[in-house]
Every structure is written in structure tokens, then in C-alpha cells.
């Protein structure tokens, strides 16, 4: 069932791990005055566990079930409140058919934060809380597997630079209402 959600009301940031979805979502929300939902944070809050613990204790399939549930809840809340919002998706969210279908049904605007895989690898190699990051080869394989899903996004911005540059590119897309000072 599609939720009555006008164009541009639901803006979702997608991209591979390390692309800056959470940071960009927070900064963008502050800039445009919309609420921000970080899907991974919502999952952790609902589970009472961090994502590596969810993967270790329950497996990826349970994580994906929780991810879909929290995505549907975030979209439903936005519709119920008739409130625009920005959602920072997880790195694999749109690679799950049921999530992509839910986003399409609700006319979400998808923005891919594209970043060269070598930059993503350099960003992620120091971070220990990424359960699907095991080694460079599996990292690159997972990136290749998800690339075609990211390419389905409505817009693409380069996220290899500083966060403020990413926000400027997103604002330049013209999908947010102009704020009159």
C-alpha cells in the first residue's frame, strides 16, 4: 500500500559503507529544517543491540527483517504526520527487493552518495563496527554486488570530498523548497 506522500517529501540517502550517509543526512536535515532518521540507529535502538551484535547473535537475515520493519515504520510516521523527512539508509537497504519496492511505492527521492571504492576502503579500514567488512577482497566484491542497485537512484552526488561539499551538491539538485531569508 502506497502512502500519500508528495514529491520530494521523502528524501533517502543511499550508498556503500563509508560514503557518508549518516553525516550527510544530519547536516542536510539541519540545513533544510527537516527531521532526519538514521535507519541503522533506529534498528539498533529497536533491538537494544548494535549492528555487529545483531549480526553475531541473530544473523544477517534477522537484521534485514528488522531493517525493513524500521524503514516501513519511518515512512509510515512521515505519512501519518504529513511530514517531510530525510532518511539515511543502510549500505545494503536498497539491495533488498522489498525495501526498494517500498521506497518506490512511496515516491522516495533516492540520492546515491557515490564515492570511489578506494576512498571508501580507506575510510572503513579503521572502523571496527562494520559486520560486512572482513577484508579488502570481500569489501570490493560487496561493492560490486551493490553497485547496480545504487545506480537506480534518482540522483548521484560525489561524496569523496568534505561533507559541506556533499550538502552543496544535494541542495543544487533543486529537490528541496527554497528558503526565503
Protein backbone atom coordinates (compact mmCIF):
# COMPACT_ATOMS: atom_id res chain seq x y z
CA UNK A 1 0.00 0.00 0.00
CA UNK A 2 1.47 3.35 -1.03
CA UNK A 3 1.39 6.22 1.38
CA UNK A 4 0.16 9.61 0.14
CA UNK A 5 3.49 11.38 0.08
CA UNK A 6 4.01 14.27 -2.32
CA UNK A 7 7.13 14.59 -4.48
CA UNK A 8 10.25 15.40 -2.53
CA UNK A 9 8.65 14.68 0.83
CA UNK A 10 10.82 11.64 1.47
CA UNK A 11 14.49 12.01 0.57
CA UNK A 12 16.71 8.97 1.13
CA UNK A 13 20.48 8.86 1.03
CA UNK A 14 21.97 5.62 -0.22
CA UNK A 15 25.49 4.43 -0.88
CA UNK A 16 28.11 1.97 0.23
CA UNK A 17 29.57 1.83 3.73
CA UNK A 18 31.79 4.83 4.31
CA UNK A 19 30.05 7.04 1.74
CA UNK A 20 28.87 9.48 4.42
CA UNK A 21 25.12 8.79 4.54
CA UNK A 22 24.73 9.42 8.28
CA UNK A 23 26.85 12.56 8.34
CA UNK A 24 25.27 13.99 5.19
CA UNK A 25 21.77 13.19 6.47
CA UNK A 26 22.34 15.04 9.76
CA UNK A 27 23.88 18.06 8.05
CA UNK A 28 21.28 18.18 5.29
CA UNK A 29 18.41 17.95 7.77
CA UNK A 30 19.86 20.82 9.75
CA UNK A 31 20.26 22.87 6.58
CA UNK A 32 16.70 22.36 5.27
CA UNK A 33 14.92 22.09 8.62
CA UNK A 34 13.56 18.58 8.09
CA UNK A 35 13.68 15.70 10.56
CA UNK A 36 16.41 13.12 9.96
CA UNK A 37 16.16 9.38 10.50
CA UNK A 38 19.30 7.27 10.52
CA UNK A 39 17.99 3.80 9.70
CA UNK A 40 20.90 1.96 11.31
CA UNK A 41 20.40 3.92 14.55
CA UNK A 42 16.69 3.11 14.50
CA UNK A 43 17.50 -0.60 14.12
CA UNK A 44 19.99 -0.50 16.99
CA UNK A 45 17.53 1.35 19.24
CA UNK A 46 14.72 -1.11 18.46
CA UNK A 47 16.95 -4.16 19.02
CA UNK A 48 18.79 -2.83 22.05
CA UNK A 49 21.96 -4.07 20.33
CA UNK A 50 24.48 -2.52 17.98
CA UNK A 51 24.61 -3.78 14.41
CA UNK A 52 27.64 -6.08 14.87
CA UNK A 53 25.84 -7.69 17.85
CA UNK A 54 22.67 -8.15 15.78
CA UNK A 55 24.68 -9.87 13.04
CA UNK A 56 26.59 -12.02 15.56
CA UNK A 57 23.58 -13.05 17.66
CA UNK A 58 20.80 -13.20 15.07
CA UNK A 59 22.40 -13.26 11.60
CA UNK A 60 22.01 -11.08 8.54
CA UNK A 61 18.52 -12.33 7.67
CA UNK A 62 17.15 -11.12 11.02
CA UNK A 63 18.97 -7.82 10.56
CA UNK A 64 17.35 -7.41 7.13
CA UNK A 65 13.91 -8.17 8.59
CA UNK A 66 14.46 -5.51 11.26
CA UNK A 67 15.76 -3.10 8.64
CA UNK A 68 12.60 -3.48 6.55
CA UNK A 69 10.40 -3.08 9.62
CA UNK A 70 12.15 0.13 10.70
CA UNK A 71 12.12 1.54 7.16
CA UNK A 72 8.37 0.90 6.89
CA UNK A 73 7.88 2.49 10.30
CA UNK A 74 9.89 5.61 9.38
CA UNK A 75 7.94 6.02 6.15
CA UNK A 76 4.64 5.42 7.93
CA UNK A 77 5.45 8.03 10.58
CA UNK A 78 6.29 10.60 7.93
CA UNK A 79 2.97 9.95 6.19
CA UNK A 80 0.95 9.97 9.39
CA UNK A 81 2.48 13.26 10.49
CA UNK A 82 2.38 14.62 6.91
CA UNK A 83 5.99 15.49 7.49
CA UNK A 84 8.87 15.57 5.06
CA UNK A 85 11.97 13.76 6.20
CA UNK A 86 15.44 12.69 5.25
CA UNK A 87 16.39 9.06 5.80
CA UNK A 88 19.97 7.83 5.80
CA UNK A 89 19.62 4.25 4.58
CA UNK A 90 21.99 1.43 5.41
CA UNK A 91 24.53 0.40 2.79
CA UNK A 92 22.51 -2.65 1.75
CA UNK A 93 18.98 -1.32 2.24
CA UNK A 94 18.08 -0.75 -1.41
CA UNK A 95 19.68 -4.03 -2.45
CA UNK A 96 16.77 -5.77 -0.69
CA UNK A 97 13.85 -6.00 -3.16
CA UNK A 98 11.14 -5.39 -0.54
CA UNK A 99 12.88 -2.19 0.63
CA UNK A 100 13.40 -0.85 -2.88
CA UNK A 101 9.74 -1.58 -3.69
CA UNK A 102 8.61 0.23 -0.51
CA UNK A 103 10.70 3.28 -1.41
CA UNK A 104 9.37 3.29 -4.98
CA UNK A 105 5.75 2.90 -3.84
CA UNK A 106 6.15 5.90 -1.57
CA UNK A 107 7.85 8.04 -4.21
CA UNK A 108 11.02 8.46 -2.19
CA UNK A 109 13.71 10.52 -3.87
CA UNK A 110 16.89 8.42 -3.76
CA UNK A 111 20.25 10.16 -3.74
CA UNK A 112 23.31 7.98 -4.23
CA UNK A 113 26.38 9.24 -2.40
CA UNK A 114 28.90 7.92 -4.89
CA UNK A 115 32.49 7.54 -3.84
CA UNK A 116 35.42 5.65 -5.41
CA UNK A 117 35.84 2.24 -3.82
CA UNK A 118 39.46 3.01 -2.85
CA UNK A 119 38.30 6.06 -0.86
CA UNK A 120 35.55 4.00 0.80
CA UNK A 121 38.07 1.32 1.70
CA UNK A 122 40.44 3.89 3.22
CA UNK A 123 37.58 5.33 5.29
CA UNK A 124 36.33 1.94 6.50
CA UNK A 125 39.60 0.15 7.22
CA UNK A 126 39.90 1.93 10.60
CA UNK A 127 36.29 1.32 11.64
CA UNK A 128 35.58 -1.87 13.57
CA UNK A 129 31.77 -1.81 13.78
CA UNK A 130 31.00 -2.89 10.22
CA UNK A 131 29.96 -6.54 10.25
CA UNK A 132 30.16 -6.99 6.47
CA UNK A 133 33.71 -5.58 6.29
CA UNK A 134 36.04 -8.54 6.64
CA UNK A 135 38.88 -7.87 4.23
CA UNK A 136 39.67 -5.84 1.12
CA UNK A 137 38.63 -8.54 -1.35
CA UNK A 138 35.21 -9.14 0.24
CA UNK A 139 34.74 -5.36 0.57
CA UNK A 140 35.33 -4.86 -3.16
CA UNK A 141 33.11 -7.85 -4.01
CA UNK A 142 30.25 -6.49 -1.90
CA UNK A 143 30.66 -3.07 -3.53
CA UNK A 144 30.42 -4.66 -6.99
CA UNK A 145 27.32 -6.63 -5.94
CA UNK A 146 25.53 -3.50 -4.74
CA UNK A 147 26.65 -1.06 -7.43
CA UNK A 148 23.75 -1.76 -9.82
CA UNK A 149 21.27 -1.01 -7.01
CA UNK A 150 22.91 2.33 -6.20
CA UNK A 151 22.76 3.21 -9.88
CA UNK A 152 18.95 3.04 -9.67
CA UNK A 153 18.92 6.22 -7.55
CA UNK A 154 17.20 9.32 -8.88
CA UNK A 155 20.30 11.48 -8.32
CA UNK A 156 24.01 10.91 -7.84
CA UNK A 157 26.40 13.15 -5.95
CA UNK A 158 30.12 12.76 -5.38
CA UNK A 159 30.74 12.07 -1.69
CA UNK A 160 34.50 11.75 -1.86
CA UNK A 161 35.05 15.33 -0.66
CA UNK A 162 34.22 17.19 2.53
CA UNK A 163 30.68 16.84 3.93
CA UNK A 164 29.84 20.51 3.21
CA UNK A 165 30.62 19.90 -0.48
CA UNK A 166 28.26 16.90 -0.48
CA UNK A 167 25.49 19.03 1.04
CA UNK A 168 26.05 21.79 -1.52
CA UNK A 169 25.70 19.24 -4.35
CA UNK A 170 22.49 17.84 -2.86
CA UNK A 171 20.99 21.32 -2.41
CA UNK A 172 21.94 22.16 -6.01
CA UNK A 173 19.69 19.30 -7.22
CA UNK A 174 16.69 21.56 -6.60
CA UNK A 175 14.60 18.95 -4.77
CA UNK A 176 14.17 20.96 -1.58
CA UNK A 177 11.93 24.02 -1.24
CA UNK A 178 13.79 27.29 -1.42
CA UNK A 179 14.12 29.04 1.91
CA UNK A 180 13.43 32.76 1.74
CA UNK A 181 15.62 34.71 4.13
